Each structure stands twice: as structure tokens, then as C-alpha cells.
């Protein structure tokens, strides 16, 4: 029984380190890598057609670069949050031209 307790304690001690490593990898990624990851997530969760995929990729790249500019700007955090929300609204508006209403619903449900 002691070995199981030690194993469980070990898992709980390692879990935060794994999470931090994943977050660090994401935070240090390029806009292209983040756009690719977002596109892959959308492909997996929304079952995009090839035509939709060809249209979604450039949208995700465009907005990943916009987010990078915001991240690297000298705005206050409150200003950044406001601008990010505005940019996200624009991105969603572009998604609406590509995705079906059902795909948009799934996207919004899984995003939140």
C-alpha cells in the first residue's frame, strides 16, 4: 500500500512541472506554430472540409501575427485585453464566412 501512496504523491508532484513545460512551449512558439496548432485543433474538433481548411489556415496565421504584435507591444495589460477582444471579434467574423452555423456553435462551446 505504501508504494501506491508514493506513486500517487510522485504523480501530483510532477504534474505541475509537466503543465508548466507545456505552457512554456506554447508561450515560446512562433505565430506560425500557434496558427498551425489552432488550425489542427479546428480540423480535429470541427471536421473541416479541405476547402474550409484552405480558407481557415490563412485566417489563423493572420490573427496569430496580430496577437504577436499585441503581446510584444508596450500597452498595459488592460489595454491588451481590450485589443485582444476586438481582434478576436474580427477573427470570429472571418470564421463566420467559412464555417457552418453548427461548426461555429461547436467552436464557441469548446473555446469557452
N, C-alpha and C. Protein backbone atom coordinates (compact mmCIF):
# COMPACT_ATOMS: atom_id res chain seq x y z
N UNK A 1 0.82 -1.19 0.00
CA UNK A 1 0.00 0.00 0.00
C UNK A 1 0.87 1.26 0.00
N UNK A 2 2.03 1.22 0.69
CA UNK A 2 2.90 2.39 0.75
C UNK A 2 3.42 2.77 -0.63
N UNK A 3 3.68 1.78 -1.47
CA UNK A 3 4.22 2.07 -2.80
C UNK A 3 3.19 2.85 -3.62
N UNK A 4 1.91 2.53 -3.47
CA UNK A 4 0.86 3.25 -4.19
C UNK A 4 0.77 4.69 -3.73
N UNK A 5 0.89 4.90 -2.43
CA UNK A 5 0.85 6.25 -1.89
C UNK A 5 2.02 7.06 -2.44
N UNK A 6 3.19 6.47 -2.49
CA UNK A 6 4.36 7.16 -3.01
C UNK A 6 4.20 7.47 -4.50
N UNK A 7 3.63 6.54 -5.21
CA UNK A 7 3.39 6.74 -6.64
C UNK A 7 2.41 7.89 -6.87
N UNK A 8 1.36 7.92 -6.12
CA UNK A 8 0.35 8.99 -6.25
C UNK A 8 0.96 10.34 -5.88
N UNK A 9 1.71 10.40 -4.80
CA UNK A 9 2.37 11.63 -4.40
C UNK A 9 3.35 12.08 -5.48
N UNK A 10 4.08 11.14 -6.05
CA UNK A 10 5.03 11.46 -7.12
C UNK A 10 4.32 12.05 -8.33
N UNK A 11 3.19 11.48 -8.69
CA UNK A 11 2.43 11.99 -9.84
C UNK A 11 1.97 13.42 -9.56
N UNK A 12 1.46 13.66 -8.38
CA UNK A 12 0.99 15.01 -8.04
C UNK A 12 2.12 16.02 -7.98
N UNK A 13 3.32 15.57 -7.64
CA UNK A 13 4.46 16.47 -7.61
C UNK A 13 4.97 16.77 -9.02
N UNK A 14 4.87 15.82 -9.92
CA UNK A 14 5.35 16.01 -11.28
C UNK A 14 4.35 16.74 -12.18
N UNK A 15 3.09 16.63 -11.88
CA UNK A 15 2.05 17.22 -12.73
C UNK A 15 2.23 18.72 -12.96
N UNK A 16 2.47 19.52 -11.94
CA UNK A 16 2.67 20.96 -12.20
C UNK A 16 3.87 21.24 -13.11
N UNK A 17 4.92 20.44 -12.99
CA UNK A 17 6.09 20.64 -13.84
C UNK A 17 5.76 20.34 -15.30
N UNK A 18 4.96 19.32 -15.54
CA UNK A 18 4.55 18.97 -16.91
C UNK A 18 3.69 20.09 -17.48
N UNK A 19 2.76 20.58 -16.69
CA UNK A 19 1.88 21.66 -17.14
C UNK A 19 2.69 22.91 -17.46
N UNK A 20 3.64 23.26 -16.60
CA UNK A 20 4.47 24.43 -16.84
C UNK A 20 5.30 24.27 -18.11
N UNK A 21 5.81 23.08 -18.35
CA UNK A 21 6.60 22.83 -19.56
C UNK A 21 5.74 22.99 -20.80
N UNK A 22 4.52 22.52 -20.75
CA UNK A 22 3.61 22.66 -21.90
C UNK A 22 3.29 24.12 -22.14
N UNK A 23 2.99 24.87 -21.08
CA UNK A 23 2.69 26.29 -21.22
C UNK A 23 3.90 27.05 -21.75
N UNK A 24 5.07 26.71 -21.28
CA UNK A 24 6.29 27.37 -21.73
C UNK A 24 6.52 27.11 -23.21
N UNK A 25 6.28 25.89 -23.64
CA UNK A 25 6.45 25.54 -25.05
C UNK A 25 5.49 26.36 -25.91
N UNK A 26 4.26 26.54 -25.44
CA UNK A 26 3.28 27.31 -26.19
C UNK A 26 3.65 28.79 -26.19
N UNK A 27 4.07 29.31 -25.06
CA UNK A 27 4.39 30.73 -24.95
C UNK A 27 5.62 31.09 -25.79
N UNK A 28 6.53 30.17 -25.99
CA UNK A 28 7.74 30.44 -26.76
C UNK A 28 7.61 30.04 -28.22
N UNK A 29 6.41 29.70 -28.64
CA UNK A 29 6.21 29.28 -30.03
C UNK A 29 6.06 30.51 -30.93
N UNK A 30 6.25 30.28 -32.22
CA UNK A 30 6.10 31.36 -33.20
C UNK A 30 4.63 31.52 -33.54
N UNK A 31 4.27 32.66 -34.14
CA UNK A 31 2.88 32.82 -34.58
C UNK A 31 2.45 31.72 -35.55
N UNK A 32 3.37 31.30 -36.42
CA UNK A 32 3.05 30.24 -37.37
C UNK A 32 2.76 28.92 -36.66
N UNK A 33 3.54 28.63 -35.61
CA UNK A 33 3.31 27.39 -34.85
C UNK A 33 1.98 27.44 -34.11
N UNK A 34 1.65 28.60 -33.54
CA UNK A 34 0.36 28.75 -32.85
C UNK A 34 -0.79 28.65 -33.84
N UNK A 35 -0.63 29.27 -35.02
CA UNK A 35 -1.67 29.20 -36.04
C UNK A 35 -1.86 27.76 -36.50
N UNK A 36 -0.76 27.04 -36.69
CA UNK A 36 -0.83 25.64 -37.11
C UNK A 36 -1.54 24.81 -36.05
N UNK A 37 -1.21 25.03 -34.78
CA UNK A 37 -1.84 24.27 -33.70
C UNK A 37 -3.34 24.58 -33.64
N UNK A 38 -3.70 25.85 -33.82
CA UNK A 38 -5.11 26.23 -33.80
C UNK A 38 -5.86 25.61 -34.98
N UNK A 39 -5.22 25.62 -36.15
CA UNK A 39 -5.83 25.02 -37.34
C UNK A 39 -6.03 23.52 -37.14
N UNK A 40 -5.03 22.86 -36.59
CA UNK A 40 -5.15 21.42 -36.33
C UNK A 40 -6.25 21.13 -35.32
N UNK A 41 -6.35 21.97 -34.29
CA UNK A 41 -7.43 21.82 -33.30
C UNK A 41 -8.79 21.96 -33.98
N UNK A 42 -8.90 22.98 -34.85
CA UNK A 42 -10.16 23.19 -35.55
C UNK A 42 -10.48 22.02 -36.48
N UNK A 43 -9.47 21.52 -37.18
CA UNK A 43 -9.67 20.37 -38.07
C UNK A 43 -10.20 19.18 -37.28
N UNK A 44 -9.60 18.93 -36.15
CA UNK A 44 -9.97 17.78 -35.31
C UNK A 44 -11.37 17.95 -34.73
N UNK A 45 -11.66 19.13 -34.20
CA UNK A 45 -12.91 19.34 -33.47
C UNK A 45 -14.09 19.77 -34.34
N UNK A 46 -13.82 20.35 -35.49
CA UNK A 46 -14.90 20.86 -36.34
C UNK A 46 -15.07 20.06 -37.63
N UNK A 47 -14.19 19.10 -37.86
CA UNK A 47 -14.26 18.27 -39.06
C UNK A 47 -14.33 19.15 -40.32
N UNK A 48 -13.33 19.98 -40.48
CA UNK A 48 -13.29 20.91 -41.61
C UNK A 48 -13.13 20.15 -42.93
N UNK A 49 -13.79 20.66 -43.96
CA UNK A 49 -13.57 20.13 -45.30
C UNK A 49 -12.23 20.67 -45.81
N UNK A 50 -11.72 20.11 -46.89
CA UNK A 50 -10.46 20.60 -47.46
C UNK A 50 -10.59 22.06 -47.89
N UNK A 51 -11.74 22.41 -48.44
CA UNK A 51 -11.98 23.79 -48.85
C UNK A 51 -11.96 24.73 -47.64
N UNK A 52 -12.62 24.33 -46.57
CA UNK A 52 -12.63 25.15 -45.35
C UNK A 52 -11.22 25.25 -44.77
N UNK A 53 -10.50 24.16 -44.78
CA UNK A 53 -9.15 24.14 -44.24
C UNK A 53 -8.26 25.13 -44.99
N UNK A 54 -8.38 25.17 -46.31
CA UNK A 54 -7.60 26.10 -47.13
C UNK A 54 -7.92 27.56 -46.81
N UNK A 55 -9.12 27.83 -46.35
CA UNK A 55 -9.53 29.20 -46.01
C UNK A 55 -9.20 29.56 -44.56
N UNK A 56 -9.27 28.56 -43.68
CA UNK A 56 -9.03 28.79 -42.25
C UNK A 56 -7.56 29.02 -41.96
N UNK A 57 -6.68 28.29 -42.63
CA UNK A 57 -5.23 28.42 -42.37
C UNK A 57 -4.75 29.88 -42.46
N UNK A 58 -5.03 30.60 -43.55
CA UNK A 58 -4.54 31.98 -43.62
C UNK A 58 -5.19 32.91 -42.59
N UNK A 59 -6.43 32.62 -42.23
CA UNK A 59 -7.08 33.43 -41.19
C UNK A 59 -6.33 33.25 -39.86
N UNK A 60 -6.04 32.00 -39.52
CA UNK A 60 -5.33 31.73 -38.26
C UNK A 60 -3.92 32.32 -38.27
N UNK A 61 -3.24 32.27 -39.40
CA UNK A 61 -1.90 32.87 -39.49
C UNK A 61 -1.99 34.38 -39.32
N UNK A 62 -2.93 35.00 -40.00
CA UNK A 62 -3.12 36.45 -39.92
C UNK A 62 -3.33 36.89 -38.47
N UNK A 63 -4.22 36.21 -37.77
CA UNK A 63 -4.55 36.64 -36.41
C UNK A 63 -3.49 36.22 -35.39
N UNK A 64 -2.75 35.18 -35.66
CA UNK A 64 -1.63 34.83 -34.78
C UNK A 64 -0.57 35.93 -34.83
N UNK A 65 -0.35 36.49 -36.01
CA UNK A 65 0.61 37.61 -36.14
C UNK A 65 0.07 38.86 -35.45
N UNK A 66 -1.22 39.11 -35.57
CA UNK A 66 -1.80 40.27 -34.87
C UNK A 66 -1.66 40.11 -33.37
N UNK A 67 -1.90 38.90 -32.87
CA UNK A 67 -1.78 38.66 -31.43
C UNK A 67 -0.32 38.81 -30.98
N UNK A 68 0.60 38.42 -31.83
CA UNK A 68 2.02 38.56 -31.50
C UNK A 68 2.38 40.04 -31.35
N UNK A 69 1.87 40.88 -32.24
CA UNK A 69 2.12 42.32 -32.14
C UNK A 69 1.58 42.87 -30.83
N UNK A 70 0.40 42.42 -30.45
CA UNK A 70 -0.21 42.89 -29.20
C UNK A 70 0.64 42.43 -28.01
N UNK A 71 1.03 41.16 -28.05
CA UNK A 71 1.84 40.58 -26.96
C UNK A 71 3.13 41.37 -26.76
N UNK A 72 3.74 41.79 -27.87
CA UNK A 72 5.03 42.48 -27.80
C UNK A 72 4.91 43.99 -27.68
N UNK A 73 3.70 44.50 -27.63
CA UNK A 73 3.52 45.95 -27.54
C UNK A 73 3.79 46.44 -26.12
N UNK A 74 3.88 47.75 -25.99
CA UNK A 74 4.11 48.32 -24.66
C UNK A 74 2.80 48.78 -24.01
N UNK A 75 1.68 48.27 -24.49
CA UNK A 75 0.38 48.59 -23.87
C UNK A 75 0.30 47.98 -22.48
N UNK A 76 -0.56 48.54 -21.67
CA UNK A 76 -0.82 47.95 -20.36
C UNK A 76 -1.59 46.65 -20.57
N UNK A 77 -1.60 45.82 -19.55
CA UNK A 77 -2.33 44.55 -19.66
C UNK A 77 -3.82 44.78 -19.92
N UNK A 78 -4.38 45.81 -19.30
CA UNK A 78 -5.79 46.11 -19.51
C UNK A 78 -6.04 46.52 -20.97
N UNK A 79 -5.15 47.31 -21.52
CA UNK A 79 -5.28 47.70 -22.93
C UNK A 79 -5.15 46.49 -23.84
N UNK A 80 -4.21 45.62 -23.52
CA UNK A 80 -4.00 44.41 -24.32
C UNK A 80 -5.26 43.55 -24.33
N UNK A 81 -5.87 43.39 -23.17
CA UNK A 81 -7.09 42.59 -23.07
C UNK A 81 -8.18 43.18 -23.96
N UNK A 82 -8.34 44.48 -23.92
CA UNK A 82 -9.36 45.14 -24.74
C UNK A 82 -9.08 44.93 -26.23
N UNK A 83 -7.83 45.11 -26.64
CA UNK A 83 -7.47 44.96 -28.05
C UNK A 83 -7.61 43.50 -28.49
N UNK A 84 -7.22 42.56 -27.63
CA UNK A 84 -7.33 41.14 -27.97
C UNK A 84 -8.81 40.78 -28.20
N UNK A 85 -9.69 41.30 -27.37
CA UNK A 85 -11.13 41.03 -27.55
C UNK A 85 -11.62 41.56 -28.89
N UNK A 86 -11.16 42.75 -29.27
CA UNK A 86 -11.56 43.34 -30.55
C UNK A 86 -11.03 42.49 -31.72
N UNK A 87 -9.78 42.07 -31.62
CA UNK A 87 -9.18 41.25 -32.67
C UNK A 87 -9.90 39.91 -32.76
N UNK A 88 -10.25 39.34 -31.61
CA UNK A 88 -10.96 38.06 -31.61
C UNK A 88 -12.32 38.18 -32.29
N UNK A 89 -13.00 39.30 -32.09
CA UNK A 89 -14.29 39.53 -32.76
C UNK A 89 -14.11 39.55 -34.28
N UNK A 90 -13.03 40.18 -34.74
CA UNK A 90 -12.75 40.21 -36.18
C UNK A 90 -12.46 38.81 -36.71
N UNK A 91 -11.71 38.05 -35.95
CA UNK A 91 -11.37 36.69 -36.37
C UNK A 91 -12.63 35.84 -36.47
N UNK A 92 -13.50 35.94 -35.47
CA UNK A 92 -14.76 35.19 -35.47
C UNK A 92 -15.61 35.60 -36.67
N UNK A 93 -15.62 36.89 -36.98
CA UNK A 93 -16.38 37.37 -38.15
C UNK A 93 -15.86 36.71 -39.43
N UNK A 94 -14.54 36.55 -39.53
CA UNK A 94 -13.98 35.87 -40.70
C UNK A 94 -14.30 34.39 -40.67
N UNK A 95 -14.29 33.78 -39.49
CA UNK A 95 -14.65 32.37 -39.39
C UNK A 95 -16.09 32.16 -39.87
N UNK A 96 -16.96 33.13 -39.60
CA UNK A 96 -18.37 33.01 -39.99
C UNK A 96 -18.54 32.92 -41.50
N UNK A 97 -17.57 33.43 -42.25
CA UNK A 97 -17.66 33.34 -43.71
C UNK A 97 -17.23 31.97 -44.23
N UNK A 98 -16.63 31.16 -43.35
CA UNK A 98 -16.09 29.86 -43.76
C UNK A 98 -16.83 28.70 -43.10
N UNK A 99 -17.14 28.83 -41.83
CA UNK A 99 -17.71 27.73 -41.05
C UNK A 99 -19.23 27.73 -41.12
N UNK A 100 -19.80 26.54 -40.97
CA UNK A 100 -21.26 26.43 -40.87
C UNK A 100 -21.71 26.92 -39.50
N UNK A 101 -23.00 27.15 -39.36
CA UNK A 101 -23.51 27.61 -38.05
C UNK A 101 -23.27 26.55 -36.98
N UNK A 102 -23.36 25.27 -37.35
CA UNK A 102 -23.11 24.19 -36.40
C UNK A 102 -21.64 24.17 -35.99
N UNK A 103 -20.74 24.36 -36.94
CA UNK A 103 -19.31 24.39 -36.63
C UNK A 103 -18.99 25.58 -35.73
N UNK A 104 -19.62 26.72 -35.99
CA UNK A 104 -19.40 27.89 -35.14
C UNK A 104 -19.87 27.64 -33.71
N UNK A 105 -21.01 26.97 -33.60
CA UNK A 105 -21.54 26.66 -32.27
C UNK A 105 -20.56 25.74 -31.52
N UNK A 106 -20.08 24.71 -32.20
CA UNK A 106 -19.12 23.79 -31.59
C UNK A 106 -17.84 24.55 -31.21
N UNK A 107 -17.37 25.40 -32.11
CA UNK A 107 -16.16 26.19 -31.84
C UNK A 107 -16.33 27.03 -30.58
N UNK A 108 -17.43 27.75 -30.51
CA UNK A 108 -17.66 28.61 -29.35
C UNK A 108 -17.85 27.82 -28.07
N UNK A 109 -18.53 26.68 -28.16
CA UNK A 109 -18.74 25.84 -26.97
C UNK A 109 -17.42 25.28 -26.46
N UNK A 110 -16.56 24.81 -27.36
CA UNK A 110 -15.29 24.21 -26.94
C UNK A 110 -14.26 25.27 -26.57
N UNK A 111 -14.36 26.44 -27.16
CA UNK A 111 -13.42 27.53 -26.88
C UNK A 111 -13.59 28.04 -25.47
N UNK A 112 -14.81 28.06 -24.99
CA UNK A 112 -15.09 28.61 -23.66
C UNK A 112 -15.01 27.61 -22.60
